[in-house]
Every structure is written in C-alpha cells, then in structure tokens.
Protein backbone atom coordinates (compact mmCIF):
# COMPACT_ATOMS: atom_id res chain seq x y z
CA UNK A 1 13.57 -14.90 -20.59
CA UNK A 2 16.39 -12.53 -19.67
CA UNK A 3 14.83 -9.80 -21.72
CA UNK A 4 11.47 -10.42 -20.56
CA UNK A 5 12.96 -9.85 -16.67
CA UNK A 6 14.70 -6.52 -17.33
CA UNK A 7 11.70 -4.06 -17.58
CA UNK A 8 10.39 -5.79 -14.07
CA UNK A 9 14.03 -5.43 -12.79
CA UNK A 10 13.90 -1.55 -14.14
CA UNK A 11 10.68 -1.05 -12.18
CA UNK A 12 11.19 -2.72 -9.11
CA UNK A 13 14.67 -0.37 -8.66
CA UNK A 14 12.16 2.54 -9.20
CA UNK A 15 10.22 1.46 -6.18
CA UNK A 16 13.28 2.21 -4.04
CA UNK A 17 12.93 5.95 -4.99
CA UNK A 18 10.46 6.02 -2.45
CA UNK A 19 13.14 5.68 0.50
CA UNK A 20 14.18 9.48 -0.25
CA UNK A 21 10.81 10.58 0.86
CA UNK A 22 11.33 10.25 4.76
CA UNK A 23 14.46 12.37 4.32
CA UNK A 24 12.72 15.26 2.53
CA UNK A 25 9.51 14.90 5.34
CA UNK A 26 12.09 14.88 8.22
CA UNK A 27 13.12 18.58 7.58
CA UNK A 28 9.36 20.12 6.87
CA UNK A 29 8.34 18.64 9.95
CA UNK A 30 10.74 20.80 11.88
CA UNK A 31 9.37 24.02 10.24
CA UNK A 32 7.71 25.78 13.44
CA UNK A 33 11.86 25.58 15.06
CA UNK A 34 13.08 27.16 11.95
CA UNK A 35 14.52 30.56 11.56
CA UNK A 36 13.27 32.10 8.61
CA UNK A 37 11.32 28.93 7.82
CA UNK A 38 9.54 30.24 4.50
CA UNK A 39 13.45 30.80 2.55
CA UNK A 40 15.16 27.78 4.77
CA UNK A 41 12.84 24.79 4.88
CA UNK A 42 12.44 24.70 0.91
CA UNK A 43 16.38 25.13 0.37
CA UNK A 44 16.28 21.96 2.86
CA UNK A 45 13.87 20.20 0.51
CA UNK A 46 15.35 20.99 -2.81
CA UNK A 47 19.13 20.17 -1.01
CA UNK A 48 18.33 16.53 0.52
CA UNK A 49 16.76 15.46 -3.09
CA UNK A 50 19.98 16.75 -4.67
CA UNK A 51 22.44 15.26 -1.98
CA UNK A 52 20.63 11.91 -1.86
CA UNK A 53 20.27 11.35 -5.27
CA UNK A 54 23.72 12.22 -5.96
CA UNK A 55 24.62 9.96 -2.92
CA UNK A 56 22.15 6.90 -4.52
CA UNK A 57 23.84 7.42 -7.98
CA UNK A 58 27.11 7.18 -6.59
CA UNK A 59 26.27 4.13 -4.28
CA UNK A 60 24.98 1.88 -7.28
CA UNK A 61 27.27 2.84 -9.44
CA UNK A 62 29.64 1.57 -7.34
CA UNK A 63 28.24 -1.48 -6.42
CA UNK A 64 27.63 -2.47 -9.96
CA UNK A 65 31.63 -2.24 -10.42
CA UNK A 66 32.51 -4.52 -7.36
CA UNK A 67 29.19 -6.89 -7.65
CA UNK A 68 27.47 -6.68 -11.44
CA UNK A 69 24.24 -7.84 -11.11
CA UNK A 70 21.36 -7.64 -8.65
CA UNK A 71 21.30 -11.29 -7.18
CA UNK A 72 22.51 -11.63 -3.79
CA UNK A 73 22.84 -14.41 -1.41
CA UNK A 74 21.04 -12.51 1.85
CA UNK A 75 20.08 -9.16 0.90
CA UNK A 76 19.74 -8.18 4.71
CA UNK A 77 24.01 -8.55 4.84
CA UNK A 78 24.23 -6.85 1.07
CA UNK A 79 26.20 -3.53 2.73
CA UNK A 80 28.43 -5.57 4.66
CA UNK A 81 29.52 -8.26 1.83
CA UNK A 82 30.06 -5.30 -0.33
CA UNK A 83 31.97 -3.46 1.96
CA UNK A 84 34.70 -6.70 2.55
CA UNK A 85 35.01 -7.15 -1.14
CA UNK A 86 35.72 -3.30 -1.91
CA UNK A 87 38.32 -2.75 1.04
CA UNK A 88 38.51 -6.09 3.12
CA UNK A 89 37.34 -7.19 6.74
CA UNK A 90 39.00 -4.20 8.48
CA UNK A 91 36.94 -1.53 6.05
CA UNK A 92 34.12 -3.33 6.14
CA UNK A 93 33.74 -3.27 10.15
CA UNK A 94 34.63 0.38 10.12
CA UNK A 95 32.20 0.92 7.45
CA UNK A 96 29.57 -0.82 9.87
CA UNK A 97 30.16 0.78 13.17
CA UNK A 98 29.75 4.08 11.00
CA UNK A 99 26.43 2.75 9.52
CA UNK A 100 25.17 1.92 13.25
CA UNK A 101 25.67 5.41 14.49
CA UNK A 102 24.06 7.08 11.36
CA UNK A 103 21.33 4.71 11.83
CA UNK A 104 21.16 5.48 15.65
CA UNK A 105 20.96 9.27 14.40
CA UNK A 106 18.53 8.64 11.85
CA UNK A 107 16.14 7.08 14.03
CA UNK A 108 16.34 10.05 17.02
CA UNK A 109 15.45 12.06 13.49
CA UNK A 110 12.39 10.36 12.94
CA UNK A 111 11.21 10.26 16.64
CA UNK A 112 11.98 13.73 16.50
CA UNK A 113 9.94 14.74 13.38
CA UNK A 114 7.38 12.57 13.75
CA UNK A 115 6.56 13.12 17.30
CA UNK A 116 6.45 17.04 16.47
CA UNK A 117 3.86 16.18 13.73
CA UNK A 118 1.90 14.03 15.78
CA UNK A 119 1.85 17.01 18.56
CA UNK A 120 0.86 19.43 15.86
CA UNK A 121 -1.91 17.41 14.65
CA UNK A 122 -3.05 17.09 18.40
CA UNK A 123 -3.00 20.24 18.90
CA UNK A 124 -5.14 21.70 15.81
CA UNK A 125 -7.61 19.10 16.69
CA UNK A 126 -7.21 16.54 14.28
CA UNK A 127 -5.84 13.80 16.75
CA UNK A 128 -7.22 13.39 20.48
CA UNK A 129 -6.01 16.67 21.93
CA UNK A 130 -5.26 15.47 25.51
CA UNK A 131 -2.74 12.87 24.67
CA UNK A 132 -1.01 14.26 21.28
CA UNK A 133 -1.39 17.83 22.09
CA UNK A 134 0.23 17.95 25.70
CA UNK A 135 3.44 18.75 26.03
CA UNK A 136 5.59 18.37 29.04
CA UNK A 137 5.26 21.45 31.82
CA UNK A 138 9.27 21.71 31.92
CA UNK A 139 10.73 20.81 28.91
CA UNK A 140 7.94 21.89 26.59
CA UNK A 141 8.28 18.93 24.33
CA UNK A 142 5.82 16.50 23.32
CA UNK A 143 6.68 13.31 25.78
CA UNK A 144 3.72 11.07 25.51
CA UNK A 145 4.05 11.51 20.84
CA UNK A 146 7.47 10.50 21.54
CA UNK A 147 6.74 7.68 23.86
CA UNK A 148 4.66 6.84 21.17
CA UNK A 149 7.10 6.86 18.15
CA UNK A 150 9.71 4.96 20.66
CA UNK A 151 6.83 1.97 20.77
CA UNK A 152 6.27 1.86 17.28
CA UNK A 153 9.97 1.49 16.86
CA UNK A 154 10.41 -1.32 19.16
CA UNK A 155 7.34 -2.96 17.27
CA UNK A 156 9.33 -2.93 14.34
CA UNK A 157 12.38 -4.48 15.50
CA UNK A 158 11.34 -7.99 14.04
CA UNK A 159 10.07 -6.86 10.45
CA UNK A 160 12.77 -7.78 8.01
CA UNK A 161 14.00 -5.50 5.33
CA UNK A 162 11.79 -6.04 2.35
CA UNK A 163 8.94 -5.40 4.72
CA UNK A 164 10.45 -2.50 6.01
CA UNK A 165 10.81 -1.44 2.67
CA UNK A 166 7.67 -1.90 1.17
CA UNK A 167 5.87 -0.03 4.20
CA UNK A 168 7.61 3.17 3.48
CA UNK A 169 7.09 2.80 -0.33
CA UNK A 170 3.39 2.22 -0.02
CA UNK A 171 3.10 5.56 2.61
CA UNK A 172 5.28 7.37 -0.03
CA UNK A 173 3.48 6.33 -3.68
CA UNK A 174 0.52 6.89 -1.87
CA UNK A 175 1.20 10.22 -1.08
CA UNK A 176 2.68 10.98 -4.18
CA UNK A 177 -0.63 10.02 -5.96
CA UNK A 178 -2.68 12.04 -2.90
CA UNK A 179 -0.58 15.22 -4.16
CA UNK A 180 -1.14 14.81 -8.04
CA UNK A 181 -4.62 14.10 -7.25
CA UNK A 182 -5.02 17.56 -5.42
CA UNK A 183 -2.97 19.27 -8.50
CA UNK A 184 -6.35 17.82 -10.55
CA UNK A 185 -8.43 18.64 -8.52
CA UNK A 186 -7.13 22.23 -8.04
CA UNK A 187 -7.45 22.63 -11.81
CA UNK A 188 -10.95 21.24 -11.77
CA UNK A 189 -11.68 24.22 -8.93
CA UNK A 190 -10.13 26.89 -10.32
CA UNK A 191 -10.27 26.08 -14.64
CA UNK A 192 -11.82 29.23 -15.49
CA UNK A 193 -9.26 31.41 -13.95
CA UNK A 194 -6.05 32.45 -16.50
CA UNK A 195 -2.86 30.55 -16.15
CA UNK A 196 -4.51 27.05 -15.22
CA UNK A 197 -3.03 25.27 -18.07
CA UNK A 198 -4.37 21.34 -19.03
CA UNK A 199 -1.02 20.21 -19.59
CA UNK A 200 0.64 20.78 -15.77
CA UNK A 201 -2.62 20.26 -14.22
CA UNK A 202 -3.90 17.13 -15.81
CA UNK A 203 -1.92 15.50 -17.87
CA UNK A 204 1.07 15.98 -16.24
CA UNK A 205 -0.41 14.88 -12.79
CA UNK A 206 -2.71 12.45 -14.25
CA UNK A 207 0.42 10.72 -15.57
CA UNK A 208 2.55 10.64 -12.35
CA UNK A 209 -0.62 9.16 -10.33
CA UNK A 210 -1.13 6.30 -13.20
CA UNK A 211 2.81 5.60 -12.73
CA UNK A 212 2.90 5.47 -8.49
CA UNK A 213 -0.52 3.50 -8.52
CA UNK A 214 1.02 1.03 -10.99
CA UNK A 215 4.47 0.63 -8.64
CA UNK A 216 1.56 0.45 -5.39
CA UNK A 217 0.83 -2.41 -7.28
CA UNK A 218 4.36 -4.03 -7.27
CA UNK A 219 4.67 -4.19 -3.49
CA UNK A 220 4.46 -6.75 -1.07
CA UNK A 221 1.45 -8.23 -0.53
CA UNK A 222 1.34 -8.07 3.08
CA UNK A 223 2.35 -4.16 2.48
CA UNK A 224 -0.81 -3.52 0.55
CA UNK A 225 -2.79 -5.00 3.18
CA UNK A 226 -1.72 -3.34 6.22
CA UNK A 227 -1.14 0.20 4.07
CA UNK A 228 -4.82 -0.02 2.89
CA UNK A 229 -6.15 -1.00 5.85
CA UNK A 230 -4.24 1.95 7.72
CA UNK A 231 -5.66 3.97 4.76
CA UNK A 232 -9.09 2.87 5.28
CA UNK A 233 -8.57 3.72 9.24
CA UNK A 234 -7.52 7.09 8.51
CA UNK A 235 -10.34 7.98 6.07
CA UNK A 236 -13.26 5.85 8.91
CA UNK A 237 -11.28 8.66 11.61
CA UNK A 238 -11.69 11.70 9.29
CA UNK A 239 -15.60 10.68 8.66
CA UNK A 240 -16.01 10.74 12.37
CA UNK A 241 -13.85 13.84 12.77
CA UNK A 242 -16.16 15.73 10.61
CA UNK A 243 -19.51 14.06 11.43
CA UNK A 244 -20.01 12.46 8.27
CA UNK A 245 -18.59 15.16 6.28
CA UNK A 246 -21.28 18.03 7.14
CA UNK A 247 -18.53 19.63 9.57
CA UNK A 248 -14.89 21.23 7.87
CA UNK A 249 -12.01 19.11 7.87
CA UNK A 250 -9.61 20.50 10.15
CA UNK A 251 -6.95 22.61 8.90
CA UNK A 252 -3.27 22.25 10.33
CA UNK A 253 -2.02 26.09 11.74
CA UNK A 254 2.03 25.72 11.21
CA UNK A 255 2.44 29.29 12.91
CA UNK A 256 2.91 28.07 16.50
CA UNK A 257 6.05 26.69 18.08
CA UNK A 258 6.90 24.53 20.93
C-alpha cells in the first residue's frame, strides 16, 4: 500500500509548484511602469523563479528534518506548529507576525498588478472600457479596478487554504497548457520556415501540455467546476467580442503608461 501511495504523493507535491506562477506574473504585469522593461522584466522573472525555487526547496528540506512525512493534524496551522517545533513559542510568535506582514504586502502586490492588468485590458477594449479603462483624474490610478480586486479578496476570506490553492493551481496549469498549445500552433503556421524543429516545437510542448492537463485532473472537484465555468464565461465573452470570430481579437498594447 505504501509503495502504491508514493507516486500519488509526489504528484500532489508537484501541484503546489503552480503557486510560483503568481509571483512571476506580479512582475511582468508592471512592465509599463518599469524603466528599461525589455531588459529589467526578464531578469526579474528569472530571479523570482530562482529565488522562489531555492526558498521552496530549503523550506521543504527543513520541514522534513523537523517533521518527517507529509501528514498533519490541521493543515491550516502547519506553519505555526512547525515554528514551535523549531524554535519554541516566542520564535513561532515572531515568525507568525512576520508571516502576517508578508501576507499583507503580498495582498497589496496582488491588488496593484491585477488592477493594472484589468486596466490594460479595459483600455485596449478587451473588457468594457468605461469601467475597466477609467483612471482617477487626480491620481491617474485605476481606482475602479482596485476596488473590484479588493472586493474579490474580501469574498475569498472564508475560502479554505486547500480550495484557494486549487484555484491558483487551476489557473496556473491552464496557463501552462495554453502556452504549450501556442507553441504547437506556431509550428503548424511556420513549419515551412527554417529553424522550427519538431522536437522543440511539437514534442516538448506536447508532453508539457499532457503533464499539466493530467495535473489539473488531480485538483479538487470544486476548483475544476468553478475554473471550467470561469473559462467558459471567458470563451463566451471572446465569442461576443469578436462577433463569432468574424472580427480580429483585440490585442493588448503594452506601450502606454499610467
């Protein structure tokens, strides 16, 4: 039984890699406010991946030293309980305080970057421009988009950690699948040109898409249901926006600045 359960546990651990995607997306969504964005943003993305990967690996290693295995009585308070085991009550209290401050800062970063992306989509006609493309006349900030993202955060206060993680992973794996599919489509359109290899443009992204699709099937039923409904709503909106794909799809222009 233990041997049969091991592959499932490893795959379950891989699902949490999708949590790194929001950190990457927070940076590239602020490219219009970045000096020398073509040079700075790619470096920032690579640094986020490298630093985040090292932190995840270090934390996982320490956790296994302190608490071997992956079974906890209450997954919601794992961090606090582990901190007590590592350094005692005072260490756990200070670590908890640092986590609260860090979570608050992370929430502000999410609001900043998400509202910026919504504004860009509204400005370029992907979303209703009157609401999403509006700027405050004095501060020149997308206040309505900020209020909307804040309201969504409030609605998610009662969501459990497992459900929230599943939602994030669904979006991440769906994005990974779409990127891999786009590489294959690029190959189909440019297969007659030189430099487009089957291994790099069909085999590798095809395998990547199969892996991410399989990992999506391992998410919770609630995350799959809501995620697929949200995907269907987006498809319906695109269908209406292009009048049944009789018009070209809107393109995001990342050249303007707030």
